[in-house]
């Protein structure tokens, strides 16, 4: 008998989330290979599903010792997900290089696209 894997699941998130807790009723925290962090609910495949927050890693840039060497940049989405895609109500924020937090979109999303 051959075991098949559902093709709708994101393999990385599925493997990571399933190692933690399958189809969560309580939020889980998953760390990505790119140092991103997701805290929220997942579906039976381990894809982000329901309420959750994904935040990218903090990046430091500039030459050591210059005025910009400790400026951090990040992007964060907090809201609803559907099978690993931004879907429903949510807010996407970005911290610019000068330290100002900008709201990119605060509202509804449809299959990863702001509406």
PDB file of N, CA and C in Angstrom:
ATOM      1  N   UNK A   1       0.841  -1.169   0.000  1.00  0.00           N
ATOM      2  CA  UNK A   1       0.000   0.000   0.000  1.00  0.00           C
ATOM      3  C   UNK A   1       0.889   1.236   0.000  1.00  0.00           C
ATOM      4  N   UNK A   2       0.605   2.180  -0.891  1.00  0.00           N
ATOM      5  CA  UNK A   2       1.386   3.395  -1.023  1.00  0.00           C
ATOM      6  C   UNK A   2       0.688   4.531  -0.291  1.00  0.00           C
ATOM      7  N   UNK A   3       1.465   5.259   0.507  1.00  0.00           N
ATOM      8  CA  UNK A   3       0.924   6.402   1.234  1.00  0.00           C
ATOM      9  C   UNK A   3       1.129   7.654   0.402  1.00  0.00           C
ATOM     10  N   UNK A   4       0.089   8.465   0.259  1.00  0.00           N
ATOM     11  CA  UNK A   4       0.203   9.691  -0.526  1.00  0.00           C
ATOM     12  C   UNK A   4       0.101  10.897   0.384  1.00  0.00           C
ATOM     13  N   UNK A   5       0.728  11.969  -0.044  1.00  0.00           N
ATOM     14  CA  UNK A   5       0.684  13.228   0.693  1.00  0.00           C
ATOM     15  C   UNK A   5      -0.243  14.169  -0.046  1.00  0.00           C
ATOM     16  N   UNK A   6      -1.139  14.853   0.651  1.00  0.00           N
ATOM     17  CA  UNK A   6      -2.026  15.802  -0.029  1.00  0.00           C
ATOM     18  C   UNK A   6      -1.220  16.863  -0.763  1.00  0.00           C
ATOM     19  N   UNK A   7      -1.620  17.170  -2.000  1.00  0.00           N
ATOM     20  CA  UNK A   7      -0.872  18.146  -2.801  1.00  0.00           C
ATOM     21  C   UNK A   7      -1.200  19.572  -2.404  1.00  0.00           C
ATOM     22  N   UNK A   8      -2.239  19.797  -1.605  1.00  0.00           N
ATOM     23  CA  UNK A   8      -2.604  21.156  -1.212  1.00  0.00           C
ATOM     24  C   UNK A   8      -1.793  21.659  -0.030  1.00  0.00           C
ATOM     25  N   UNK A   9      -1.029  20.812   0.594  1.00  0.00           N
ATOM     26  CA  UNK A   9      -0.264  21.208   1.776  1.00  0.00           C
ATOM     27  C   UNK A   9       1.090  21.772   1.383  1.00  0.00           C
ATOM     28  N   UNK A  10       1.508  22.813   2.065  1.00  0.00           N
ATOM     29  CA  UNK A  10       2.846  23.328   1.918  1.00  0.00           C
ATOM     30  C   UNK A  10       3.755  22.396   2.702  1.00  0.00           C
ATOM     31  N   UNK A  11       4.674  21.732   2.037  1.00  0.00           N
ATOM     32  CA  UNK A  11       5.467  20.686   2.685  1.00  0.00           C
ATOM     33  C   UNK A  11       6.275  21.177   3.873  1.00  0.00           C
ATOM     34  N   UNK A  12       6.888  22.347   3.779  1.00  0.00           N
ATOM     35  CA  UNK A  12       7.703  22.833   4.889  1.00  0.00           C
ATOM     36  C   UNK A  12       6.842  23.086   6.117  1.00  0.00           C
ATOM     37  N   UNK A  13       5.786  23.890   5.957  1.00  0.00           N
ATOM     38  CA  UNK A  13       4.927  24.217   7.096  1.00  0.00           C
ATOM     39  C   UNK A  13       4.244  22.969   7.622  1.00  0.00           C
ATOM     40  N   UNK A  14       3.847  22.077   6.722  1.00  0.00           N
ATOM     41  CA  UNK A  14       3.174  20.853   7.160  1.00  0.00           C
ATOM     42  C   UNK A  14       4.100  20.023   8.039  1.00  0.00           C
ATOM     43  N   UNK A  15       5.325  19.818   7.603  1.00  0.00           N
ATOM     44  CA  UNK A  15       6.263  19.001   8.377  1.00  0.00           C
ATOM     45  C   UNK A  15       6.576  19.651   9.719  1.00  0.00           C
ATOM     46  N   UNK A  16       6.763  20.952   9.713  1.00  0.00           N
ATOM     47  CA  UNK A  16       7.087  21.653  10.949  1.00  0.00           C
ATOM     48  C   UNK A  16       5.909  21.672  11.907  1.00  0.00           C
ATOM     49  N   UNK A  17       4.743  22.020  11.393  1.00  0.00           N
ATOM     50  CA  UNK A  17       3.563  22.113  12.251  1.00  0.00           C
ATOM     51  C   UNK A  17       3.117  20.749  12.741  1.00  0.00           C
ATOM     52  N   UNK A  18       3.179  19.733  11.895  1.00  0.00           N
ATOM     53  CA  UNK A  18       2.730  18.408  12.293  1.00  0.00           C
ATOM     54  C   UNK A  18       3.648  17.843  13.370  1.00  0.00           C
ATOM     55  N   UNK A  19       4.899  18.247  13.348  1.00  0.00           N
ATOM     56  CA  UNK A  19       5.816  17.812  14.400  1.00  0.00           C
ATOM     57  C   UNK A  19       5.431  18.458  15.723  1.00  0.00           C
ATOM     58  N   UNK A  20       4.769  19.610  15.638  1.00  0.00           N
ATOM     59  CA  UNK A  20       4.339  20.316  16.839  1.00  0.00           C
ATOM     60  C   UNK A  20       2.972  19.813  17.286  1.00  0.00           C
ATOM     61  N   UNK A  21       1.955  20.085  16.497  1.00  0.00           N
ATOM     62  CA  UNK A  21       0.585  19.694  16.809  1.00  0.00           C
ATOM     63  C   UNK A  21      -0.238  19.714  15.537  1.00  0.00           C
ATOM     64  N   UNK A  22      -0.873  18.609  15.160  1.00  0.00           N
ATOM     65  CA  UNK A  22      -1.720  18.642  13.979  1.00  0.00           C
ATOM     66  C   UNK A  22      -3.044  19.360  14.258  1.00  0.00           C
ATOM     67  N   UNK A  23      -3.547  20.094  13.291  1.00  0.00           N
ATOM     68  CA  UNK A  23      -4.827  20.821  13.349  1.00  0.00           C
ATOM     69  C   UNK A  23      -5.098  21.400  14.726  1.00  0.00           C
ATOM     70  N   UNK A  24      -4.488  22.502  15.000  1.00  0.00           N
ATOM     71  CA  UNK A  24      -4.505  23.066  16.345  1.00  0.00           C
ATOM     72  C   UNK A  24      -5.797  23.776  16.695  1.00  0.00           C
ATOM     73  N   UNK A  25      -6.202  23.613  17.930  1.00  0.00           N
ATOM     74  CA  UNK A  25      -7.291  24.403  18.488  1.00  0.00           C
ATOM     75  C   UNK A  25      -6.698  25.553  19.288  1.00  0.00           C
ATOM     76  N   UNK A  26      -5.442  25.416  19.667  1.00  0.00           N
ATOM     77  CA  UNK A  26      -4.709  26.482  20.337  1.00  0.00           C
ATOM     78  C   UNK A  26      -3.551  26.872  19.421  1.00  0.00           C
ATOM     79  N   UNK A  27      -3.117  28.125  19.482  1.00  0.00           N
ATOM     80  CA  UNK A  27      -2.034  28.572  18.595  1.00  0.00           C
ATOM     81  C   UNK A  27      -0.724  27.821  18.823  1.00  0.00           C
ATOM     82  N   UNK A  28       0.031  27.678  17.741  1.00  0.00           N
ATOM     83  CA  UNK A  28       1.370  27.100  17.789  1.00  0.00           C
ATOM     84  C   UNK A  28       2.340  28.168  17.314  1.00  0.00           C
ATOM     85  N   UNK A  29       3.614  27.992  17.584  1.00  0.00           N
ATOM     86  CA  UNK A  29       4.652  28.879  17.070  1.00  0.00           C
ATOM     87  C   UNK A  29       5.572  28.056  16.188  1.00  0.00           C
ATOM     88  N   UNK A  30       5.770  28.529  14.963  1.00  0.00           N
ATOM     89  CA  UNK A  30       6.597  27.827  13.985  1.00  0.00           C
ATOM     90  C   UNK A  30       7.663  28.789  13.490  1.00  0.00           C
ATOM     91  N   UNK A  31       8.913  28.350  13.491  1.00  0.00           N
ATOM     92  CA  UNK A  31      10.022  29.170  13.006  1.00  0.00           C
ATOM     93  C   UNK A  31      10.414  28.693  11.623  1.00  0.00           C
ATOM     94  N   UNK A  32      10.525  29.644  10.680  1.00  0.00           N
ATOM     95  CA  UNK A  32      10.901  29.314   9.311  1.00  0.00           C
ATOM     96  C   UNK A  32      12.402  29.261   9.123  1.00  0.00           C
ATOM     97  N   UNK A  33      12.823  28.632   8.029  1.00  0.00           N
ATOM     98  CA  UNK A  33      14.249  28.577   7.692  1.00  0.00           C
ATOM     99  C   UNK A  33      14.826  29.972   7.476  1.00  0.00           C
ATOM    100  N   UNK A  34      13.980  30.915   7.075  1.00  0.00           N
ATOM    101  CA  UNK A  34      14.429  32.285   6.824  1.00  0.00           C
ATOM    102  C   UNK A  34      14.339  33.145   8.087  1.00  0.00           C
ATOM    103  N   UNK A  35      14.215  32.507   9.243  1.00  0.00           N
ATOM    104  CA  UNK A  35      14.123  33.143  10.551  1.00  0.00           C
ATOM    105  C   UNK A  35      12.809  33.891  10.762  1.00  0.00           C
ATOM    106  N   UNK A  36      11.806  33.611   9.914  1.00  0.00           N
ATOM    107  CA  UNK A  36      10.483  34.173  10.149  1.00  0.00           C
ATOM    108  C   UNK A  36       9.827  33.382  11.278  1.00  0.00           C
ATOM    109  N   UNK A  37       8.768  33.955  11.853  1.00  0.00           N
ATOM    110  CA  UNK A  37       8.078  33.288  12.950  1.00  0.00           C
ATOM    111  C   UNK A  37       6.574  33.435  12.746  1.00  0.00           C
ATOM    112  N   UNK A  38       5.873  32.310  12.808  1.00  0.00           N
ATOM    113  CA  UNK A  38       4.419  32.314  12.706  1.00  0.00           C
ATOM    114  C   UNK A  38       3.850  31.826  14.028  1.00  0.00           C
ATOM    115  N   UNK A  39       2.900  32.584  14.572  1.00  0.00           N
ATOM    116  CA  UNK A  39       2.186  32.177  15.776  1.00  0.00           C
ATOM    117  C   UNK A  39       0.710  32.218  15.444  1.00  0.00           C
ATOM    118  N   UNK A  40       0.083  31.068  15.491  1.00  0.00           N
ATOM    119  CA  UNK A  40      -1.338  31.024  15.174  1.00  0.00           C
ATOM    120  C   UNK A  40      -1.807  29.608  14.928  1.00  0.00           C
ATOM    121  N   UNK A  41      -2.920  29.504  14.257  1.00  0.00           N
ATOM    122  CA  UNK A  41      -3.549  28.211  14.007  1.00  0.00           C
ATOM    123  C   UNK A  41      -3.108  27.633  12.672  1.00  0.00           C
ATOM    124  N   UNK A  42      -3.151  26.316  12.564  1.00  0.00           N
ATOM    125  CA  UNK A  42      -2.843  25.612  11.323  1.00  0.00           C
ATOM    126  C   UNK A  42      -3.968  24.625  11.029  1.00  0.00           C
ATOM    127  N   UNK A  43      -4.055  24.184   9.764  1.00  0.00           N
ATOM    128  CA  UNK A  43      -5.051  23.182   9.409  1.00  0.00           C
ATOM    129  C   UNK A  43      -4.457  21.782   9.519  1.00  0.00           C
ATOM    130  N   UNK A  44      -5.198  20.777   9.062  1.00  0.00           N
ATOM    131  CA  UNK A  44      -4.740  19.390   9.201  1.00  0.00           C
ATOM    132  C   UNK A  44      -3.487  19.094   8.385  1.00  0.00           C
ATOM    133  N   UNK A  45      -3.182  19.940   7.401  1.00  0.00           N
ATOM    134  CA  UNK A  45      -1.967  19.774   6.608  1.00  0.00           C
ATOM    135  C   UNK A  45      -0.790  20.550   7.194  1.00  0.00           C
ATOM    136  N   UNK A  46      -1.062  21.357   8.222  1.00  0.00           N
ATOM    137  CA  UNK A  46      -0.009  22.154   8.831  1.00  0.00           C
ATOM    138  C   UNK A  46       0.132  23.526   8.213  1.00  0.00           C
ATOM    139  N   UNK A  47      -0.757  23.873   7.256  1.00  0.00           N
ATOM    140  CA  UNK A  47      -0.713  25.198   6.630  1.00  0.00           C
ATOM    141  C   UNK A  47      -1.349  26.222   7.570  1.00  0.00           C
ATOM    142  N   UNK A  48      -0.878  27.457   7.494  1.00  0.00           N
ATOM    143  CA  UNK A  48      -1.447  28.539   8.297  1.00  0.00           C
ATOM    144  C   UNK A  48      -2.934  28.657   7.956  1.00  0.00           C
ATOM    145  N   UNK A  49      -3.789  28.595   8.985  1.00  0.00           N
ATOM    146  CA  UNK A  49      -5.224  28.577   8.739  1.00  0.00           C
ATOM    147  C   UNK A  49      -5.956  29.086   9.972  1.00  0.00           C
ATOM    148  N   UNK A  50      -6.795  30.101   9.810  1.00  0.00           N
ATOM    149  CA  UNK A  50      -7.456  30.724  10.946  1.00  0.00           C
ATOM    150  C   UNK A  50      -6.716  31.992  11.320  1.00  0.00           C
ATOM    151  N   UNK A  51      -6.740  32.345  12.578  1.00  0.00           N
ATOM    152  CA  UNK A  51      -6.089  33.562  13.065  1.00  0.00           C
ATOM    153  C   UNK A  51      -4.607  33.304  13.325  1.00  0.00           C
ATOM    154  N   UNK A  52      -3.741  34.236  12.891  1.00  0.00           N
ATOM    155  CA  UNK A  52      -2.314  34.083  13.156  1.00  0.00           C
ATOM    156  C   UNK A  52      -1.508  35.301  12.750  1.00  0.00           C
ATOM    157  N   UNK A  53      -0.251  35.322  13.186  1.00  0.00           N
ATOM    158  CA  UNK A  53       0.669  36.417  12.889  1.00  0.00           C
ATOM    159  C   UNK A  53       1.964  35.851  12.334  1.00  0.00           C
ATOM    160  N   UNK A  54       2.392  36.368  11.196  1.00  0.00           N
ATOM    161  CA  UNK A  54       3.668  35.990  10.587  1.00  0.00           C
ATOM    162  C   UNK A  54       4.546  37.222  10.589  1.00  0.00           C
ATOM    163  N   UNK A  55       5.740  37.090  11.164  1.00  0.00           N
ATOM    164  CA  UNK A  55       6.688  38.208  11.207  1.00  0.00           C
ATOM    165  C   UNK A  55       8.010  37.755  10.614  1.00  0.00           C
ATOM    166  N   UNK A  56       8.541  38.584   9.722  1.00  0.00           N
ATOM    167  CA  UNK A  56       9.824  38.259   9.106  1.00  0.00           C
ATOM    168  C   UNK A  56      10.938  38.459  10.117  1.00  0.00           C
ATOM    169  N   UNK A  57      12.080  37.985   9.763  1.00  0.00           N
ATOM    170  CA  UNK A  57      13.256  38.152  10.619  1.00  0.00           C
ATOM    171  C   UNK A  57      13.649  39.622  10.676  1.00  0.00           C
ATOM    172  N   UNK A  58      14.374  39.974  11.703  1.00  0.00           N
ATOM    173  CA  UNK A  58      14.898  41.327  11.828  1.00  0.00           C
ATOM    174  C   UNK A  58      16.246  41.346  11.116  1.00  0.00           C
ATOM    175  N   UNK A  59      16.416  42.258  10.210  1.00  0.00           N
ATOM    176  CA  UNK A  59      17.662  42.351   9.462  1.00  0.00           C
ATOM    177  C   UNK A  59      18.413  43.598   9.872  1.00  0.00           C
ATOM    178  N   UNK A  60      19.676  43.438  10.181  1.00  0.00           N
ATOM    179  CA  UNK A  60      20.544  44.578  10.457  1.00  0.00           C
ATOM    180  C   UNK A  60      21.363  44.829   9.201  1.00  0.00           C
ATOM    181  N   UNK A  61      21.542  46.071   8.866  1.00  0.00           N
ATOM    182  CA  UNK A  61      22.305  46.372   7.668  1.00  0.00           C
ATOM    183  C   UNK A  61      23.190  47.582   7.915  1.00  0.00           C
ATOM    184  N   UNK A  62      24.064  47.803   6.954  1.00  0.00           N
ATOM    185  CA  UNK A  62      25.027  48.891   7.078  1.00  0.00           C
ATOM    186  C   UNK A  62      26.368  48.350   7.534  1.00  0.00           C
ATOM    187  N   UNK A  63      27.389  49.159   7.416  1.00  0.00           N
ATOM    188  CA  UNK A  63      28.730  48.759   7.843  1.00  0.00           C
ATOM    189  C   UNK A  63      28.855  48.941   9.347  1.00  0.00           C
ATOM    190  N   UNK A  64      29.520  48.011   9.966  1.00  0.00           N
ATOM    191  CA  UNK A  64      29.691  48.101  11.414  1.00  0.00           C
ATOM    192  C   UNK A  64      30.341  49.430  11.773  1.00  0.00           C
ATOM    193  N   UNK A  65      29.721  50.123  12.721  1.00  0.00           N
ATOM    194  CA  UNK A  65      30.262  51.389  13.165  1.00  0.00           C
ATOM    195  C   UNK A  65      29.644  52.600  12.501  1.00  0.00           C
ATOM    196  N   UNK A  66      28.945  52.399  11.356  1.00  0.00           N
ATOM    197  CA  UNK A  66      28.322  53.574  10.754  1.00  0.00           C
ATOM    198  C   UNK A  66      26.982  53.867  11.429  1.00  0.00           C
ATOM    199  N   UNK A  67      26.381  54.991  11.115  1.00  0.00           N
ATOM    200  CA  UNK A  67      25.156  55.425  11.789  1.00  0.00           C
ATOM    201  C   UNK A  67      23.968  54.501  11.568  1.00  0.00           C
ATOM    202  N   UNK A  68      23.949  53.746  10.492  1.00  0.00           N
ATOM    203  CA  UNK A  68      22.816  52.889  10.170  1.00  0.00           C
ATOM    204  C   UNK A  68      23.030  51.414  10.520  1.00  0.00           C
ATOM    205  N   UNK A  69      24.098  51.091  11.195  1.00  0.00           N
ATOM    206  CA  UNK A  69      24.424  49.674  11.403  1.00  0.00           C
ATOM    207  C   UNK A  69      23.454  48.945  12.329  1.00  0.00           C
ATOM    208  N   UNK A  70      22.647  49.658  13.091  1.00  0.00           N
ATOM    209  CA  UNK A  70      21.731  48.974  14.008  1.00  0.00           C
ATOM    210  C   UNK A  70      20.260  49.194  13.663  1.00  0.00           C
ATOM    211  N   UNK A  71      19.984  49.656  12.448  1.00  0.00           N
ATOM    212  CA  UNK A  71      18.606  49.878  12.043  1.00  0.00           C
ATOM    213  C   UNK A  71      18.003  48.537  11.621  1.00  0.00           C
ATOM    214  N   UNK A  72      16.855  48.223  12.185  1.00  0.00           N
ATOM    215  CA  UNK A  72      16.192  46.958  11.874  1.00  0.00           C
ATOM    216  C   UNK A  72      15.013  47.199  10.943  1.00  0.00           C
ATOM    217  N   UNK A  73      14.725  46.202  10.125  1.00  0.00           N
ATOM    218  CA  UNK A  73      13.559  46.250   9.237  1.00  0.00           C
ATOM    219  C   UNK A  73      12.788  44.964   9.400  1.00  0.00           C
ATOM    220  N   UNK A  74      11.483  45.045   9.379  1.00  0.00           N
ATOM    221  CA  UNK A  74      10.658  43.852   9.471  1.00  0.00           C
ATOM    222  C   UNK A  74       9.319  44.078   8.784  1.00  0.00           C
ATOM    223  N   UNK A  75       8.669  42.978   8.459  1.00  0.00           N
ATOM    224  CA  UNK A  75       7.321  43.001   7.916  1.00  0.00           C
ATOM    225  C   UNK A  75       6.497  42.031   8.739  1.00  0.00           C
ATOM    226  N   UNK A  76       5.252  42.407   9.024  1.00  0.00           N
ATOM    227  CA  UNK A  76       4.393  41.562   9.852  1.00  0.00           C
ATOM    228  C   UNK A  76       2.975  41.566   9.303  1.00  0.00           C
ATOM    229  N   UNK A  77       2.395  40.370   9.173  1.00  0.00           N
ATOM    230  CA  UNK A  77       0.983  40.250   8.836  1.00  0.00           C
ATOM    231  C   UNK A  77       0.292  39.609  10.024  1.00  0.00           C
ATOM    232  N   UNK A  78      -0.773  40.237  10.467  1.00  0.00           N
ATOM    233  CA  UNK A  78      -1.562  39.698  11.564  1.00  0.00           C
ATOM    234  C   UNK A  78      -3.016  39.700  11.124  1.00  0.00           C
ATOM    235  N   UNK A  79      -3.613  38.520  11.107  1.00  0.00           N
ATOM    236  CA  UNK A  79      -5.001  38.432  10.671  1.00  0.00           C
ATOM    237  C   UNK A  79      -5.388  37.010  10.335  1.00  0.00           C
ATOM    238  N   UNK A  80      -6.311  36.890   9.406  1.00  0.00           N
ATOM    239  CA  UNK A  80      -6.846  35.584   9.028  1.00  0.00           C
ATOM    240  C   UNK A  80      -6.100  34.966   7.862  1.00  0.00           C
ATOM    241  N   UNK A  81      -6.028  33.644   7.915  1.00  0.00           N
ATOM    242  CA  UNK A  81      -5.361  32.841   6.894  1.00  0.00           C
ATOM    243  C   UNK A  81      -6.334  31.769   6.409  1.00  0.00           C
ATOM    244  N   UNK A  82      -6.142  31.326   5.182  1.00  0.00           N
ATOM    245  CA  UNK A  82      -6.898  30.204   4.654  1.00  0.00           C
ATOM    246  C   UNK A  82      -5.943  29.330   3.853  1.00  0.00           C
ATOM    247  N   UNK A  83      -5.674  28.151   4.356  1.00  0.00           N
ATOM    248  CA  UNK A  83      -4.781  27.185   3.692  1.00  0.00           C
ATOM    249  C   UNK A  83      -3.440  27.799   3.304  1.00  0.00           C
ATOM    250  N   UNK A  84      -2.844  28.564   4.209  1.00  0.00           N
ATOM    251  CA  UNK A  84      -1.514  29.116   4.003  1.00  0.00           C
ATOM    252  C   UNK A  84      -1.464  30.450   3.280  1.00  0.00           C
ATOM    253  N   UNK A  85      -2.632  31.028   2.951  1.00  0.00           N
ATOM    254  CA  UNK A  85      -2.691  32.277   2.193  1.00  0.00           C
ATOM    255  C   UNK A  85      -3.438  33.328   3.008  1.00  0.00           C
ATOM    256  N   UNK A  86      -3.012  34.596   2.919  1.00  0.00           N
ATOM    257  CA  UNK A  86      -3.707  35.694   3.583  1.00  0.00           C
ATOM    258  C   UNK A  86      -5.118  35.769   3.023  1.00  0.00           C
ATOM    259  N   UNK A  87      -6.121  35.630   3.891  1.00  0.00           N
ATOM    260  CA  UNK A  87      -7.497  35.618   3.406  1.00  0.00           C
ATOM    261  C   UNK A  87      -8.430  36.004   4.538  1.00  0.00           C
ATOM    262  N   UNK A  88      -9.227  37.050   4.342  1.00  0.00           N
ATOM    263  CA  UNK A  88     -10.113  37.559   5.383  1.00  0.00           C
ATOM    264  C   UNK A  88      -9.583  38.890   5.890  1.00  0.00           C
ATOM    265  N   UNK A  89      -9.887  39.213   7.116  1.00  0.00           N
ATOM    266  CA  UNK A  89      -9.482  40.478   7.716  1.00  0.00           C
ATOM    267  C   UNK A  89      -8.051  40.378   8.240  1.00  0.00           C
ATOM    268  N   UNK A  90      -7.209  41.384   7.928  1.00  0.00           N
ATOM    269  CA  UNK A  90      -5.849  41.375   8.429  1.00  0.00           C
ATOM    270  C   UNK A  90      -5.112  42.667   8.149  1.00  0.00           C
ATOM    271  N   UNK A  91      -3.963  42.815   8.804  1.00  0.00           N
ATOM    272  CA  UNK A  91      -3.160  44.020   8.680  1.00  0.00           C
ATOM    273  C   UNK A  91      -1.721  43.661   8.344  1.00  0.00           C
ATOM    274  N   UNK A  92      -1.183  44.294   7.309  1.00  0.00           N
ATOM    275  CA  UNK A  92       0.206  44.112   6.908  1.00  0.00           C
ATOM    276  C   UNK A  92       0.948  45.394   7.240  1.00  0.00           C
ATOM    277  N   UNK A  93       1.985  45.274   8.087  1.00  0.00           N
ATOM    278  CA  UNK A  93       2.785  46.428   8.503  1.00  0.00           C
ATOM    279  C   UNK A  93       4.242  46.200   8.109  1.00  0.00           C
ATOM    280  N   UNK A  94       4.945  47.303   7.914  1.00  0.00           N
ATOM    281  CA  UNK A  94       6.354  47.251   7.516  1.00  0.00           C
ATOM    282  C   UNK A  94       7.107  48.361   8.245  1.00  0.00           C
ATOM    283  N   UNK A  95       8.258  48.018   8.797  1.00  0.00           N
ATOM    284  CA  UNK A  95       9.106  49.048   9.397  1.00  0.00           C
ATOM    285  C   UNK A  95      10.140  49.449   8.347  1.00  0.00           C
ATOM    286  N   UNK A  96      10.170  50.722   8.030  1.00  0.00           N
ATOM    287  CA  UNK A  96      11.104  51.225   7.030  1.00  0.00           C
ATOM    288  C   UNK A  96      12.492  51.409   7.631  1.00  0.00           C
ATOM    289  N   UNK A  97      13.434  51.751   6.769  1.00  0.00           N
ATOM    290  CA  UNK A  97      14.823  51.887   7.202  1.00  0.00           C
ATOM    291  C   UNK A  97      15.025  53.019   8.202  1.00  0.00           C
ATOM    292  N   UNK A  98      14.117  53.994   8.231  1.00  0.00           N
ATOM    293  CA  UNK A  98      14.261  55.093   9.189  1.00  0.00           C
ATOM    294  C   UNK A  98      13.517  54.821  10.502  1.00  0.00           C
ATOM    295  N   UNK A  99      12.987  53.607  10.674  1.00  0.00           N
ATOM    296  CA  UNK A  99      12.336  53.223  11.916  1.00  0.00           C
ATOM    297  C   UNK A  99      10.860  53.534  11.995  1.00  0.00           C
ATOM    298  N   UNK A 100      10.286  54.055  10.920  1.00  0.00           N
ATOM    299  CA  UNK A 100       8.863  54.379  10.899  1.00  0.00           C
ATOM    300  C   UNK A 100       8.061  53.138  10.510  1.00  0.00           C
ATOM    301  N   UNK A 101       7.029  52.839  11.298  1.00  0.00           N
ATOM    302  CA  UNK A 101       6.158  51.710  10.988  1.00  0.00           C
ATOM    303  C   UNK A 101       5.057  52.196  10.057  1.00  0.00           C
ATOM    304  N   UNK A 102       4.952  51.536   8.915  1.00  0.00           N
ATOM    305  CA  UNK A 102       3.939  51.900   7.932  1.00  0.00           C
ATOM    306  C   UNK A 102       2.921  50.770   7.821  1.00  0.00           C
ATOM    307  N   UNK A 103       1.653  51.113   7.789  1.00  0.00           N
ATOM    308  CA  UNK A 103       0.609  50.125   7.540  1.00  0.00           C
ATOM    309  C   UNK A 103       0.457  50.035   6.028  1.00  0.00           C
ATOM    310  N   UNK A 104       0.810  48.868   5.483  1.00  0.00           N
ATOM    311  CA  UNK A 104       0.720  48.663   4.043  1.00  0.00           C
ATOM    312  C   UNK A 104      -0.740  48.471   3.648  1.00  0.00           C
ATOM    313  N   UNK A 105      -1.445  47.621   4.388  1.00  0.00           N
ATOM    314  CA  UNK A 105      -2.876  47.399   4.146  1.00  0.00           C
ATOM    315  C   UNK A 105      -3.525  46.904   5.426  1.00  0.00           C
ATOM    316  N   UNK A 106      -4.608  47.534   5.813  1.00  0.00           N
ATOM    317  CA  UNK A 106      -5.389  47.110   6.962  1.00  0.00           C
ATOM    318  C   UNK A 106      -6.822  46.967   6.471  1.00  0.00           C
ATOM    319  N   UNK A 107      -7.233  45.732   6.278  1.00  0.00           N
ATOM    320  CA  UNK A 107      -8.561  45.499   5.734  1.00  0.00           C
ATOM    321  C   UNK A 107      -8.715  44.056   5.321  1.00  0.00           C
ATOM    322  N   UNK A 108      -9.495  43.848   4.287  1.00  0.00           N
ATOM    323  CA  UNK A 108      -9.771  42.487   3.818  1.00  0.00           C
ATOM    324  C   UNK A 108      -8.771  42.042   2.765  1.00  0.00           C
ATOM    325  N   UNK A 109      -8.543  40.734   2.746  1.00  0.00           N
ATOM    326  CA  UNK A 109      -7.652  40.076   1.802  1.00  0.00           C
ATOM    327  C   UNK A 109      -8.427  38.955   1.123  1.00  0.00           C
ATOM    328  N   UNK A 110      -8.131  38.719  -0.117  1.00  0.00           N
ATOM    329  CA  UNK A 110      -8.739  37.616  -0.847  1.00  0.00           C
ATOM    330  C   UNK A 110      -7.641  36.841  -1.550  1.00  0.00           C
ATOM    331  N   UNK A 111      -7.357  35.654  -1.082  1.00  0.00           N
ATOM    332  CA  UNK A 111      -6.336  34.770  -1.667  1.00  0.00           C
ATOM    333  C   UNK A 111      -4.987  35.471  -1.811  1.00  0.00           C
ATOM    334  N   UNK A 112      -4.579  36.184  -0.769  1.00  0.00           N
ATOM    335  CA  UNK A 112      -3.274  36.836  -0.742  1.00  0.00           C
ATOM    336  C   UNK A 112      -3.225  38.219  -1.345  1.00  0.00           C
ATOM    337  N   UNK A 113      -4.351  38.726  -1.822  1.00  0.00           N
ATOM    338  CA  UNK A 113      -4.390  40.032  -2.472  1.00  0.00           C
ATOM    339  C   UNK A 113      -5.258  40.975  -1.648  1.00  0.00           C
ATOM    340  N   UNK A 114      -4.760  42.190  -1.339  1.00  0.00           N
ATOM    341  CA  UNK A 114      -5.587  43.132  -0.574  1.00  0.00           C
ATOM    342  C   UNK A 114      -6.770  43.602  -1.416  1.00  0.00           C
ATOM    343  N   UNK A 115      -7.939  43.719  -0.771  1.00  0.00           N
ATOM    344  CA  UNK A 115      -9.118  44.215  -1.492  1.00  0.00           C
ATOM    345  C   UNK A 115      -9.729  45.388  -0.745  1.00  0.00           C
TER     346      UNK A 115
END
